[in-house]
C-alpha atoms as a PDB file:
ATOM      1  CA  UNK A   1     157.222  -8.016-128.960  1.00  0.00           C
ATOM      2  CA  UNK A   2     156.485 -11.340-127.221  1.00  0.00           C
ATOM      3  CA  UNK A   3     156.150  -9.735-123.781  1.00  0.00           C
ATOM      4  CA  UNK A   4     152.399  -9.238-123.242  1.00  0.00           C
ATOM      5  CA  UNK A   5     153.045  -6.759-120.410  1.00  0.00           C
ATOM      6  CA  UNK A   6     154.749  -4.302-122.791  1.00  0.00           C
ATOM      7  CA  UNK A   7     152.365  -1.906-124.554  1.00  0.00           C
ATOM      8  CA  UNK A   8     154.832   0.381-126.349  1.00  0.00           C
ATOM      9  CA  UNK A   9     158.320  -0.041-127.821  1.00  0.00           C
ATOM     10  CA  UNK A  10     160.355   3.109-128.566  1.00  0.00           C
ATOM     11  CA  UNK A  11     163.583   2.930-130.574  1.00  0.00           C
ATOM     12  CA  UNK A  12     165.892   5.965-130.872  1.00  0.00           C
ATOM     13  CA  UNK A  13     168.786   5.128-133.121  1.00  0.00           C
ATOM     14  CA  UNK A  14     170.299   1.653-132.912  1.00  0.00           C
ATOM     15  CA  UNK A  15     171.427   1.862-129.288  1.00  0.00           C
ATOM     16  CA  UNK A  16     168.534   3.339-127.285  1.00  0.00           C
ATOM     17  CA  UNK A  17     165.387   1.244-126.799  1.00  0.00           C
ATOM     18  CA  UNK A  18     162.665   2.122-124.297  1.00  0.00           C
ATOM     19  CA  UNK A  19     159.491   0.211-123.436  1.00  0.00           C
ATOM     20  CA  UNK A  20     156.287   1.053-121.627  1.00  0.00           C
ATOM     21  CA  UNK A  21     155.176  -1.509-119.066  1.00  0.00           C
ATOM     22  CA  UNK A  22     152.205  -0.925-116.746  1.00  0.00           C
ATOM     23  CA  UNK A  23     152.144   2.717-117.795  1.00  0.00           C
ATOM     24  CA  UNK A  24     155.813   3.317-116.895  1.00  0.00           C
ATOM     25  CA  UNK A  25     158.536   4.008-119.472  1.00  0.00           C
ATOM     26  CA  UNK A  26     161.893   2.326-118.801  1.00  0.00           C
ATOM     27  CA  UNK A  27     165.122   2.015-120.785  1.00  0.00           C
ATOM     28  CA  UNK A  28     166.168  -1.507-121.762  1.00  0.00           C
ATOM     29  CA  UNK A  29     169.640  -2.978-122.184  1.00  0.00           C
ATOM     30  CA  UNK A  30     168.720  -4.256-125.651  1.00  0.00           C
ATOM     31  CA  UNK A  31     170.326  -2.620-128.688  1.00  0.00           C
ATOM     32  CA  UNK A  32     170.868  -3.259-132.398  1.00  0.00           C
ATOM     33  CA  UNK A  33     174.346  -4.194-133.588  1.00  0.00           C
ATOM     34  CA  UNK A  34     174.445  -1.142-135.823  1.00  0.00           C
ATOM     35  CA  UNK A  35     172.215   1.339-137.623  1.00  0.00           C
ATOM     36  CA  UNK A  36     172.191  -0.777-140.783  1.00  0.00           C
ATOM     37  CA  UNK A  37     170.476  -3.662-138.951  1.00  0.00           C
ATOM     38  CA  UNK A  38     167.828  -1.264-137.679  1.00  0.00           C
ATOM     39  CA  UNK A  39     167.325   0.185-141.175  1.00  0.00           C
ATOM     40  CA  UNK A  40     166.883  -3.339-142.615  1.00  0.00           C
ATOM     41  CA  UNK A  41     164.222  -4.086-140.004  1.00  0.00           C
ATOM     42  CA  UNK A  42     162.397  -0.871-140.912  1.00  0.00           C
ATOM     43  CA  UNK A  43     162.369  -1.797-144.604  1.00  0.00           C
ATOM     44  CA  UNK A  44     160.978  -5.240-143.778  1.00  0.00           C
ATOM     45  CA  UNK A  45     158.158  -3.656-141.773  1.00  0.00           C
ATOM     46  CA  UNK A  46     157.062  -1.140-144.413  1.00  0.00           C
ATOM     47  CA  UNK A  47     157.414  -3.508-147.373  1.00  0.00           C
ATOM     48  CA  UNK A  48     155.030  -5.936-145.681  1.00  0.00           C
ATOM     49  CA  UNK A  49     152.182  -3.456-146.038  1.00  0.00           C
ATOM     50  CA  UNK A  50     153.257  -1.870-149.341  1.00  0.00           C
ATOM     51  CA  UNK A  51     154.570   1.317-147.763  1.00  0.00           C
ATOM     52  CA  UNK A  52     157.698   3.269-148.628  1.00  0.00           C
ATOM     53  CA  UNK A  53     160.132   5.120-146.405  1.00  0.00           C
ATOM     54  CA  UNK A  54     163.485   6.608-147.400  1.00  0.00           C
ATOM     55  CA  UNK A  55     165.502   9.805-147.166  1.00  0.00           C
ATOM     56  CA  UNK A  56     163.213  11.557-149.662  1.00  0.00           C
ATOM     57  CA  UNK A  57     160.084  10.422-147.775  1.00  0.00           C
ATOM     58  CA  UNK A  58     161.330   9.900-144.202  1.00  0.00           C
ATOM     59  CA  UNK A  59     158.037   9.688-142.283  1.00  0.00           C
ATOM     60  CA  UNK A  60     155.558   6.819-142.508  1.00  0.00           C
ATOM     61  CA  UNK A  61     152.861   5.097-140.443  1.00  0.00           C
ATOM     62  CA  UNK A  62     152.694   1.344-140.861  1.00  0.00           C
ATOM     63  CA  UNK A  63     151.544  -1.782-139.034  1.00  0.00           C
ATOM     64  CA  UNK A  64     152.697  -5.289-138.243  1.00  0.00           C
ATOM     65  CA  UNK A  65     150.877  -8.505-139.105  1.00  0.00           C
ATOM     66  CA  UNK A  66     149.526  -8.779-135.560  1.00  0.00           C
ATOM     67  CA  UNK A  67     147.903  -5.329-135.888  1.00  0.00           C
ATOM     68  CA  UNK A  68     150.495  -3.375-133.890  1.00  0.00           C
ATOM     69  CA  UNK A  69     150.838   0.222-135.063  1.00  0.00           C
ATOM     70  CA  UNK A  70     154.266   1.445-136.191  1.00  0.00           C
ATOM     71  CA  UNK A  71     155.448   5.041-136.607  1.00  0.00           C
ATOM     72  CA  UNK A  72     158.784   5.527-138.387  1.00  0.00           C
ATOM     73  CA  UNK A  73     160.909   8.657-138.846  1.00  0.00           C
ATOM     74  CA  UNK A  74     164.246   8.488-140.657  1.00  0.00           C
ATOM     75  CA  UNK A  75     167.091  10.992-140.960  1.00  0.00           C
ATOM     76  CA  UNK A  76     167.348  13.806-141.919  1.00  0.00           C
ATOM     77  CA  UNK A  77     164.049  14.421-140.108  1.00  0.00           C
ATOM     78  CA  UNK A  78     165.286  12.375-137.138  1.00  0.00           C
ATOM     79  CA  UNK A  79     168.591  13.864-135.956  1.00  0.00           C
ATOM     80  CA  UNK A  80     169.811  10.965-133.794  1.00  0.00           C
ATOM     81  CA  UNK A  81     169.169   8.075-136.152  1.00  0.00           C
ATOM     82  CA  UNK A  82     166.013   6.187-137.190  1.00  0.00           C
ATOM     83  CA  UNK A  83     163.116   6.465-134.742  1.00  0.00           C
ATOM     84  CA  UNK A  84     160.635   3.577-134.501  1.00  0.00           C
ATOM     85  CA  UNK A  85     157.613   3.612-132.191  1.00  0.00           C
ATOM     86  CA  UNK A  86     155.475   0.470-131.947  1.00  0.00           C
ATOM     87  CA  UNK A  87     152.084   0.585-130.232  1.00  0.00           C
ATOM     88  CA  UNK A  88     151.077  -2.957-129.293  1.00  0.00           C
ATOM     89  CA  UNK A  89     147.469  -4.013-128.856  1.00  0.00           C
ATOM     90  CA  UNK A  90     146.094  -6.997-126.925  1.00  0.00           C
ATOM     91  CA  UNK A  91     145.486 -10.190-128.898  1.00  0.00           C
ATOM     92  CA  UNK A  92     141.812  -9.927-128.060  1.00  0.00           C
ATOM     93  CA  UNK A  93     140.215  -6.454-127.882  1.00  0.00           C
ATOM     94  CA  UNK A  94     138.945  -5.376-124.487  1.00  0.00           C
ATOM     95  CA  UNK A  95     135.256  -6.068-123.981  1.00  0.00           C
ATOM     96  CA  UNK A  96     133.085  -3.488-122.287  1.00  0.00           C
ATOM     97  CA  UNK A  97     132.824  -5.856-119.300  1.00  0.00           C
ATOM     98  CA  UNK A  98     136.614  -5.930-118.931  1.00  0.00           C
ATOM     99  CA  UNK A  99     136.769  -2.134-119.085  1.00  0.00           C
ATOM    100  CA  UNK A 100     134.205  -1.953-116.289  1.00  0.00           C
ATOM    101  CA  UNK A 101     136.152  -4.515-114.257  1.00  0.00           C
ATOM    102  CA  UNK A 102     139.260  -2.300-114.564  1.00  0.00           C
ATOM    103  CA  UNK A 103     137.271   0.714-113.387  1.00  0.00           C
ATOM    104  CA  UNK A 104     137.554   2.548-116.714  1.00  0.00           C
ATOM    105  CA  UNK A 105     133.829   3.312-116.651  1.00  0.00           C
ATOM    106  CA  UNK A 106     130.818   2.614-114.472  1.00  0.00           C
ATOM    107  CA  UNK A 107     128.028   0.095-115.197  1.00  0.00           C
ATOM    108  CA  UNK A 108     125.571   3.008-115.400  1.00  0.00           C
ATOM    109  CA  UNK A 109     127.635   4.809-118.023  1.00  0.00           C
ATOM    110  CA  UNK A 110     128.095   1.541-119.901  1.00  0.00           C
ATOM    111  CA  UNK A 111     124.349   1.040-120.049  1.00  0.00           C
ATOM    112  CA  UNK A 112     123.813   4.557-121.346  1.00  0.00           C
ATOM    113  CA  UNK A 113     126.476   4.150-124.050  1.00  0.00           C
ATOM    114  CA  UNK A 114     125.030   0.796-125.105  1.00  0.00           C
ATOM    115  CA  UNK A 115     121.676   2.483-125.596  1.00  0.00           C
ATOM    116  CA  UNK A 116     123.276   5.383-127.508  1.00  0.00           C
ATOM    117  CA  UNK A 117     125.136   3.045-129.886  1.00  0.00           C
ATOM    118  CA  UNK A 118     122.098   0.881-130.572  1.00  0.00           C
ATOM    119  CA  UNK A 119     119.925   3.967-131.155  1.00  0.00           C
ATOM    120  CA  UNK A 120     122.520   5.182-133.723  1.00  0.00           C
ATOM    121  CA  UNK A 121     123.734   8.329-132.008  1.00  0.00           C
ATOM    122  CA  UNK A 122     126.889   9.734-133.616  1.00  0.00           C
ATOM    123  CA  UNK A 123     129.703   9.406-131.078  1.00  0.00           C
ATOM    124  CA  UNK A 124     133.098  11.101-130.978  1.00  0.00           C
ATOM    125  CA  UNK A 125     135.800   9.773-128.624  1.00  0.00           C
ATOM    126  CA  UNK A 126     138.648  12.110-127.665  1.00  0.00           C
ATOM    127  CA  UNK A 127     141.618  12.068-125.328  1.00  0.00           C
ATOM    128  CA  UNK A 128     145.387  12.291-125.142  1.00  0.00           C
ATOM    129  CA  UNK A 129     147.948   9.854-126.511  1.00  0.00           C
ATOM    130  CA  UNK A 130     147.569   6.412-124.954  1.00  0.00           C
ATOM    131  CA  UNK A 131     144.318   7.289-123.185  1.00  0.00           C
ATOM    132  CA  UNK A 132     142.456   4.286-124.650  1.00  0.00           C
ATOM    133  CA  UNK A 133     140.498   5.791-127.557  1.00  0.00           C
ATOM    134  CA  UNK A 134     140.936   2.788-129.859  1.00  0.00           C
ATOM    135  CA  UNK A 135     140.176   0.383-127.016  1.00  0.00           C
ATOM    136  CA  UNK A 136     136.890   2.129-126.185  1.00  0.00           C
ATOM    137  CA  UNK A 137     135.934   2.372-129.865  1.00  0.00           C
ATOM    138  CA  UNK A 138     136.436  -1.389-130.275  1.00  0.00           C
ATOM    139  CA  UNK A 139     134.334  -2.049-127.178  1.00  0.00           C
ATOM    140  CA  UNK A 140     131.484   0.255-128.253  1.00  0.00           C
ATOM    141  CA  UNK A 141     131.436  -1.313-131.721  1.00  0.00           C
ATOM    142  CA  UNK A 142     130.478  -4.549-129.996  1.00  0.00           C
ATOM    143  CA  UNK A 143     127.042  -3.029-129.345  1.00  0.00           C
ATOM    144  CA  UNK A 144     126.335  -2.561-133.066  1.00  0.00           C
ATOM    145  CA  UNK A 145     123.670  -5.084-134.168  1.00  0.00           C
ATOM    146  CA  UNK A 146     124.869  -8.028-136.251  1.00  0.00           C
ATOM    147  CA  UNK A 147     122.533  -7.138-139.124  1.00  0.00           C
ATOM    148  CA  UNK A 148     124.262  -3.815-139.845  1.00  0.00           C
ATOM    149  CA  UNK A 149     127.028  -3.146-142.384  1.00  0.00           C
ATOM    150  CA  UNK A 150     130.117  -1.484-140.901  1.00  0.00           C
ATOM    151  CA  UNK A 151     132.861   0.322-142.825  1.00  0.00           C
ATOM    152  CA  UNK A 152     136.078   1.281-141.007  1.00  0.00           C
ATOM    153  CA  UNK A 153     138.487   3.887-142.399  1.00  0.00           C
ATOM    154  CA  UNK A 154     141.994   4.263-140.965  1.00  0.00           C
ATOM    155  CA  UNK A 155     145.463   5.580-141.737  1.00  0.00           C
ATOM    156  CA  UNK A 156     146.958   2.321-140.484  1.00  0.00           C
ATOM    157  CA  UNK A 157     144.490  -0.461-139.778  1.00  0.00           C
ATOM    158  CA  UNK A 158     144.501  -1.102-136.034  1.00  0.00           C
ATOM    159  CA  UNK A 159     140.845  -1.513-135.092  1.00  0.00           C
ATOM    160  CA  UNK A 160     139.805  -4.995-133.997  1.00  0.00           C
ATOM    161  CA  UNK A 161     136.042  -5.152-134.224  1.00  0.00           C
ATOM    162  CA  UNK A 162     135.166  -8.693-133.253  1.00  0.00           C
ATOM    163  CA  UNK A 163     132.204 -10.795-134.289  1.00  0.00           C
ATOM    164  CA  UNK A 164     130.967  -8.712-137.227  1.00  0.00           C
ATOM    165  CA  UNK A 165     130.526 -10.501-140.564  1.00  0.00           C
ATOM    166  CA  UNK A 166     129.488  -7.539-142.739  1.00  0.00           C
ATOM    167  CA  UNK A 167     132.624  -5.518-142.006  1.00  0.00           C
ATOM    168  CA  UNK A 168     134.578  -3.601-144.674  1.00  0.00           C
ATOM    169  CA  UNK A 169     138.058  -2.369-143.674  1.00  0.00           C
ATOM    170  CA  UNK A 170     139.660   0.466-145.648  1.00  0.00           C
ATOM    171  CA  UNK A 171     143.167   1.885-145.252  1.00  0.00           C
ATOM    172  CA  UNK A 172     144.936   4.909-146.719  1.00  0.00           C
ATOM    173  CA  UNK A 173     148.011   4.666-148.934  1.00  0.00           C
ATOM    174  CA  UNK A 174     150.939   7.027-149.365  1.00  0.00           C
ATOM    175  CA  UNK A 175     152.116   8.250-152.773  1.00  0.00           C
ATOM    176  CA  UNK A 176     154.870   6.273-154.488  1.00  0.00           C
ATOM    177  CA  UNK A 177     158.328   7.551-155.413  1.00  0.00           C
ATOM    178  CA  UNK A 178     156.836   9.335-158.433  1.00  0.00           C
ATOM    179  CA  UNK A 179     154.354  11.180-156.221  1.00  0.00           C
ATOM    180  CA  UNK A 180     151.288   9.319-157.473  1.00  0.00           C
ATOM    181  CA  UNK A 181     148.999   6.595-156.172  1.00  0.00           C
ATOM    182  CA  UNK A 182     148.038   8.250-152.885  1.00  0.00           C
ATOM    183  CA  UNK A 183     144.712   7.212-151.370  1.00  0.00           C
ATOM    184  CA  UNK A 184     143.691   9.769-148.756  1.00  0.00           C
ATOM    185  CA  UNK A 185     141.293   9.531-145.858  1.00  0.00           C
ATOM    186  CA  UNK A 186     138.966  11.965-147.635  1.00  0.00           C
ATOM    187  CA  UNK A 187     138.783   9.727-150.703  1.00  0.00           C
ATOM    188  CA  UNK A 188     137.998   6.678-148.592  1.00  0.00           C
ATOM    189  CA  UNK A 189     135.223   8.467-146.680  1.00  0.00           C
ATOM    190  CA  UNK A 190     133.635   9.548-149.967  1.00  0.00           C
ATOM    191  CA  UNK A 191     133.987   6.046-151.406  1.00  0.00           C
ATOM    192  CA  UNK A 192     132.402   4.532-148.296  1.00  0.00           C
ATOM    193  CA  UNK A 193     129.210   6.499-148.888  1.00  0.00           C
ATOM    194  CA  UNK A 194     128.661   4.451-152.069  1.00  0.00           C
ATOM    195  CA  UNK A 195     129.050   1.139-150.244  1.00  0.00           C
ATOM    196  CA  UNK A 196     125.631   1.162-148.566  1.00  0.00           C
ATOM    197  CA  UNK A 197     127.014   1.621-145.027  1.00  0.00           C
ATOM    198  CA  UNK A 198     124.918   1.403-141.881  1.00  0.00           C
ATOM    199  CA  UNK A 199     127.845   2.628-139.796  1.00  0.00           C
ATOM    200  CA  UNK A 200     131.000   4.495-140.763  1.00  0.00           C
ATOM    201  CA  UNK A 201     133.856   4.295-138.273  1.00  0.00           C
ATOM    202  CA  UNK A 202     136.772   6.661-138.853  1.00  0.00           C
ATOM    203  CA  UNK A 203     139.690   5.450-136.740  1.00  0.00           C
ATOM    204  CA  UNK A 204     141.094   8.929-136.155  1.00  0.00           C
ATOM    205  CA  UNK A 205     140.596  12.326-137.761  1.00  0.00           C
ATOM    206  CA  UNK A 206     143.659  14.555-138.002  1.00  0.00           C
ATOM    207  CA  UNK A 207     142.966  17.020-140.812  1.00  0.00           C
ATOM    208  CA  UNK A 208     140.719  18.022-143.689  1.00  0.00           C
ATOM    209  CA  UNK A 209     138.908  14.648-143.642  1.00  0.00           C
ATOM    210  CA  UNK A 210     136.983  15.967-140.617  1.00  0.00           C
ATOM    211  CA  UNK A 211     134.752  17.894-143.032  1.00  0.00           C
ATOM    212  CA  UNK A 212     133.861  14.749-144.989  1.00  0.00           C
ATOM    213  CA  UNK A 213     133.231  12.851-141.754  1.00  0.00           C
ATOM    214  CA  UNK A 214     130.846  15.535-140.490  1.00  0.00           C
ATOM    215  CA  UNK A 215     129.050  15.675-143.835  1.00  0.00           C
ATOM    216  CA  UNK A 216     128.613  11.892-143.771  1.00  0.00           C
ATOM    217  CA  UNK A 217     127.102  12.122-140.283  1.00  0.00           C
ATOM    218  CA  UNK A 218     124.803  14.887-141.501  1.00  0.00           C
ATOM    219  CA  UNK A 219     123.555  13.012-144.565  1.00  0.00           C
ATOM    220  CA  UNK A 220     121.715  10.100-143.026  1.00  0.00           C
ATOM    221  CA  UNK A 221     124.652   7.938-141.883  1.00  0.00           C
ATOM    222  CA  UNK A 222     123.731   7.863-138.211  1.00  0.00           C
ATOM    223  CA  UNK A 223     125.553   5.722-135.699  1.00  0.00           C
ATOM    224  CA  UNK A 224     129.007   6.775-136.860  1.00  0.00           C
ATOM    225  CA  UNK A 225     131.942   6.679-134.426  1.00  0.00           C
ATOM    226  CA  UNK A 226     135.288   8.455-134.644  1.00  0.00           C
ATOM    227  CA  UNK A 227     138.219   9.508-132.472  1.00  0.00           C
ATOM    228  CA  UNK A 228     140.615  12.426-132.145  1.00  0.00           C
ATOM    229  CA  UNK A 229     143.442  13.758-129.974  1.00  0.00           C
ATOM    230  CA  UNK A 230     142.553  16.498-127.488  1.00  0.00           C
ATOM    231  CA  UNK A 231     143.054  17.572-123.880  1.00  0.00           C
ATOM    232  CA  UNK A 232     139.354  18.083-123.183  1.00  0.00           C
ATOM    233  CA  UNK A 233     135.961  17.901-124.859  1.00  0.00           C
ATOM    234  CA  UNK A 234     135.926  21.657-125.488  1.00  0.00           C
ATOM    235  CA  UNK A 235     139.454  21.457-126.904  1.00  0.00           C
ATOM    236  CA  UNK A 236     138.347  18.727-129.315  1.00  0.00           C
ATOM    237  CA  UNK A 237     135.542  20.910-130.627  1.00  0.00           C
ATOM    238  CA  UNK A 238     138.064  23.670-131.297  1.00  0.00           C
ATOM    239  CA  UNK A 239     140.391  21.220-133.053  1.00  0.00           C
ATOM    240  CA  UNK A 240     137.544  19.992-135.249  1.00  0.00           C
ATOM    241  CA  UNK A 241     136.894  23.573-136.334  1.00  0.00           C
ATOM    242  CA  UNK A 242     140.548  23.942-137.324  1.00  0.00           C
ATOM    243  CA  UNK A 243     140.504  20.617-139.202  1.00  0.00           C
ATOM    244  CA  UNK A 244     137.429  21.609-141.192  1.00  0.00           C
ATOM    245  CA  UNK A 245     139.067  24.919-142.110  1.00  0.00           C
ATOM    246  CA  UNK A 246     141.958  22.894-143.573  1.00  0.00           C
ATOM    247  CA  UNK A 247     139.473  21.362-145.996  1.00  0.00           C
ATOM    248  CA  UNK A 248     137.277  24.326-146.833  1.00  0.00           C
ATOM    249  CA  UNK A 249     137.261  28.030-146.030  1.00  0.00           C
ATOM    250  CA  UNK A 250     133.806  28.138-144.503  1.00  0.00           C
ATOM    251  CA  UNK A 251     132.426  30.724-142.063  1.00  0.00           C
ATOM    252  CA  UNK A 252     133.236  29.699-138.494  1.00  0.00           C
ATOM    253  CA  UNK A 253     129.573  29.831-137.475  1.00  0.00           C
ATOM    254  CA  UNK A 254     128.660  27.465-140.326  1.00  0.00           C
ATOM    255  CA  UNK A 255     131.374  25.023-139.197  1.00  0.00           C
ATOM    256  CA  UNK A 256     130.088  25.076-135.627  1.00  0.00           C
ATOM    257  CA  UNK A 257     126.541  24.478-136.825  1.00  0.00           C
ATOM    258  CA  UNK A 258     127.830  21.526-138.851  1.00  0.00           C
ATOM    259  CA  UNK A 259     129.639  20.056-135.832  1.00  0.00           C
ATOM    260  CA  UNK A 260     126.651  20.571-133.534  1.00  0.00           C
ATOM    261  CA  UNK A 261     124.210  18.911-135.925  1.00  0.00           C
ATOM    262  CA  UNK A 262     126.550  16.009-136.803  1.00  0.00           C
ATOM    263  CA  UNK A 263     127.910  14.823-133.437  1.00  0.00           C
ATOM    264  CA  UNK A 264     125.496  13.745-130.697  1.00  0.00           C
ATOM    265  CA  UNK A 265     127.723  12.391-127.916  1.00  0.00           C
ATOM    266  CA  UNK A 266     131.283  13.343-126.902  1.00  0.00           C
ATOM    267  CA  UNK A 267     133.385  10.980-124.766  1.00  0.00           C
ATOM    268  CA  UNK A 268     136.595  12.200-123.117  1.00  0.00           C
ATOM    269  CA  UNK A 269     139.236   9.751-121.888  1.00  0.00           C
ATOM    270  CA  UNK A 270     142.303  10.399-119.793  1.00  0.00           C
ATOM    271  CA  UNK A 271     145.237   8.723-118.100  1.00  0.00           C
ATOM    272  CA  UNK A 272     145.329   9.447-114.395  1.00  0.00           C
ATOM    273  CA  UNK A 273     148.400   9.955-112.217  1.00  0.00           C
ATOM    274  CA  UNK A 274     148.333   6.232-111.307  1.00  0.00           C
ATOM    275  CA  UNK A 275     148.643   5.511-115.069  1.00  0.00           C
ATOM    276  CA  UNK A 276     145.173   3.958-115.235  1.00  0.00           C
ATOM    277  CA  UNK A 277     143.045   4.924-118.243  1.00  0.00           C
ATOM    278  CA  UNK A 278     139.572   6.129-117.373  1.00  0.00           C
ATOM    279  CA  UNK A 279     136.532   7.632-119.017  1.00  0.00           C
ATOM    280  CA  UNK A 280     136.282  11.118-117.528  1.00  0.00           C
ATOM    281  CA  UNK A 281     133.301  12.653-119.288  1.00  0.00           C
ATOM    282  CA  UNK A 282     130.275  11.826-121.428  1.00  0.00           C
ATOM    283  CA  UNK A 283     128.531  14.911-122.772  1.00  0.00           C
ATOM    284  CA  UNK A 284     125.747  15.570-125.220  1.00  0.00           C
ATOM    285  CA  UNK A 285     126.025  18.288-127.854  1.00  0.00           C
ATOM    286  CA  UNK A 286     122.694  20.097-127.682  1.00  0.00           C
ATOM    287  CA  UNK A 287     123.189  22.616-130.484  1.00  0.00           C
ATOM    288  CA  UNK A 288     124.902  25.834-131.462  1.00  0.00           C
ATOM    289  CA  UNK A 289     123.531  29.035-129.887  1.00  0.00           C
ATOM    290  CA  UNK A 290     124.914  32.451-130.875  1.00  0.00           C
ATOM    291  CA  UNK A 291     127.959  30.798-132.429  1.00  0.00           C
ATOM    292  CA  UNK A 292     128.759  28.687-129.340  1.00  0.00           C
ATOM    293  CA  UNK A 293     128.453  24.892-129.284  1.00  0.00           C
ATOM    294  CA  UNK A 294     126.504  23.881-126.184  1.00  0.00           C
ATOM    295  CA  UNK A 295     127.471  20.819-124.126  1.00  0.00           C
ATOM    296  CA  UNK A 296     125.198  18.961-121.724  1.00  0.00           C
ATOM    297  CA  UNK A 297     127.413  16.911-119.329  1.00  0.00           C
ATOM    298  CA  UNK A 298     125.709  13.590-118.581  1.00  0.00           C
ATOM    299  CA  UNK A 299     128.489  11.723-116.755  1.00  0.00           C
ATOM    300  CA  UNK A 300     131.603  13.101-115.057  1.00  0.00           C
ATOM    301  CA  UNK A 301     134.395  11.333-113.211  1.00  0.00           C
ATOM    302  CA  UNK A 302     134.290  12.140-109.492  1.00  0.00           C
ATOM    303  CA  UNK A 303     137.497  11.362-107.626  1.00  0.00           C
ATOM    304  CA  UNK A 304     137.243  10.160-104.051  1.00  0.00           C
ATOM    305  CA  UNK A 305     139.354  12.722-102.187  1.00  0.00           C
ATOM    306  CA  UNK A 306     139.301  10.612 -99.004  1.00  0.00           C
ATOM    307  CA  UNK A 307     140.820   7.463-100.502  1.00  0.00           C
ATOM    308  CA  UNK A 308     143.960   7.936 -98.393  1.00  0.00           C
ATOM    309  CA  UNK A 309     146.447   7.583-101.261  1.00  0.00           C
ATOM    310  CA  UNK A 310     148.115  10.276-103.307  1.00  0.00           C
ATOM    311  CA  UNK A 311     149.183   7.766-105.978  1.00  0.00           C
ATOM    312  CA  UNK A 312     146.172   5.503-106.410  1.00  0.00           C
ATOM    313  CA  UNK A 313     143.155   7.284-107.916  1.00  0.00           C
ATOM    314  CA  UNK A 314     139.772   6.088-106.699  1.00  0.00           C
ATOM    315  CA  UNK A 315     136.491   7.401-107.990  1.00  0.00           C
ATOM    316  CA  UNK A 316     133.602   6.772-110.315  1.00  0.00           C
ATOM    317  CA  UNK A 317     132.123   8.058-113.552  1.00  0.00           C
ATOM    318  CA  UNK A 318     128.827   9.247-112.104  1.00  0.00           C
ATOM    319  CA  UNK A 319     125.614  10.595-113.558  1.00  0.00           C
ATOM    320  CA  UNK A 320     125.391  14.390-113.233  1.00  0.00           C
ATOM    321  CA  UNK A 321     121.604  14.399-112.968  1.00  0.00           C
ATOM    322  CA  UNK A 322     121.252  15.955-116.438  1.00  0.00           C
ATOM    323  CA  UNK A 323     119.124  14.017-118.892  1.00  0.00           C
ATOM    324  CA  UNK A 324     119.543  13.568-122.624  1.00  0.00           C
ATOM    325  CA  UNK A 325     117.812  16.462-124.401  1.00  0.00           C
ATOM    326  CA  UNK A 326     117.844  15.144-127.976  1.00  0.00           C
ATOM    327  CA  UNK A 327     115.754  11.992-127.671  1.00  0.00           C
ATOM    328  CA  UNK A 328     114.550  11.754-131.273  1.00  0.00           C
ATOM    329  CA  UNK A 329     116.834   8.829-132.173  1.00  0.00           C
ATOM    330  CA  UNK A 330     115.812   6.988-129.008  1.00  0.00           C
ATOM    331  CA  UNK A 331     112.133   7.264-129.958  1.00  0.00           C
ATOM    332  CA  UNK A 332     112.902   6.150-133.536  1.00  0.00           C
ATOM    333  CA  UNK A 333     114.644   3.064-132.132  1.00  0.00           C
ATOM    334  CA  UNK A 334     111.850   2.376-129.662  1.00  0.00           C
ATOM    335  CA  UNK A 335     114.204   2.829-126.722  1.00  0.00           C
ATOM    336  CA  UNK A 336     114.582   5.025-123.675  1.00  0.00           C
ATOM    337  CA  UNK A 337     117.606   6.417-121.874  1.00  0.00           C
ATOM    338  CA  UNK A 338     118.417   4.892-118.490  1.00  0.00           C
ATOM    339  CA  UNK A 339     120.964   6.722-116.372  1.00  0.00           C
ATOM    340  CA  UNK A 340     121.094   4.645-113.208  1.00  0.00           C
ATOM    341  CA  UNK A 341     120.882   0.888-113.010  1.00  0.00           C
ATOM    342  CA  UNK A 342     123.103  -2.122-113.395  1.00  0.00           C
ATOM    343  CA  UNK A 343     124.586  -4.216-116.157  1.00  0.00           C
ATOM    344  CA  UNK A 344     123.932  -7.956-116.044  1.00  0.00           C
ATOM    345  CA  UNK A 345     125.919  -9.643-118.795  1.00  0.00           C
ATOM    346  CA  UNK A 346     125.055  -7.830-121.990  1.00  0.00           C
ATOM    347  CA  UNK A 347     121.619  -6.721-120.812  1.00  0.00           C
ATOM    348  CA  UNK A 348     121.112  -3.366-119.172  1.00  0.00           C
ATOM    349  CA  UNK A 349     118.218  -3.252-116.728  1.00  0.00           C
ATOM    350  CA  UNK A 350     116.617  -0.426-114.830  1.00  0.00           C
ATOM    351  CA  UNK A 351     116.807  -1.040-111.096  1.00  0.00           C
ATOM    352  CA  UNK A 352     113.684   0.979-110.348  1.00  0.00           C
END
């Protein structure tokens, strides 16, 4: 846990511990003395955040005091002993400048996203496991004006939105041993609507709460940001449809209309073969035509095929030449979209 270079710790039983360092997973020589010591550690972790895990309820998501996310699965669900997976986060969240310095996105794309956040476009960030969704969400939240009230809703609190005074953090709770006391994501989203929010940030949607999130976006709560797991932007749209169906049996066309009217910008992140995390696509949702959600790609990652290395990926998230079609929120905010230019500090300027 003290090694800053390690981003993930994976425990399988008491005698197999793997870590991820610089994007590579390696087995360590460290082990617990026995399974009982591991089980005691697990109980200490979950009790610290008022969670419960046992043979009757063997799966739980938790967190450590430093904000690290913990996933725990006990036998009988885990066949080879208790499984603990710890996702570590940096002490200080990545700034948008640091992401640009690492090549995760281009200055032009950064400037566009800054404008989109400030103009209160609803943004959905998707990508695979470990692609950097939480990191990008934290960075984009930095563009939210200080005067606005932010409410975050998460399964396990892991967001680190820095420098915001009017910030309300909400977290779900599992049912107790008697099966009562659960606080679901759906309940928290509904409760947040009565808290006079300017922005609602849902850490990750996985199920029926997607319907409540979309309804919140569609009822005057612009500027919302959320994340989800998917292999592509189009795949995420399909997953959202499935999630909504878990919450309500609505006609598919009505669900697609709801998605198209709620979400303005889709961001897709990926981990390349060199293990670097990059922003691969920024697309605008332009509407739903004949039952099909239409995407307008604004930025796409273009790999440099002549970089001379099969391992190191070189390229840039470049403007496609397409312009933002839905400019109503920009006009309301007194802003304009700029697609090419440069970032100087926190100010985005048009270079002509």
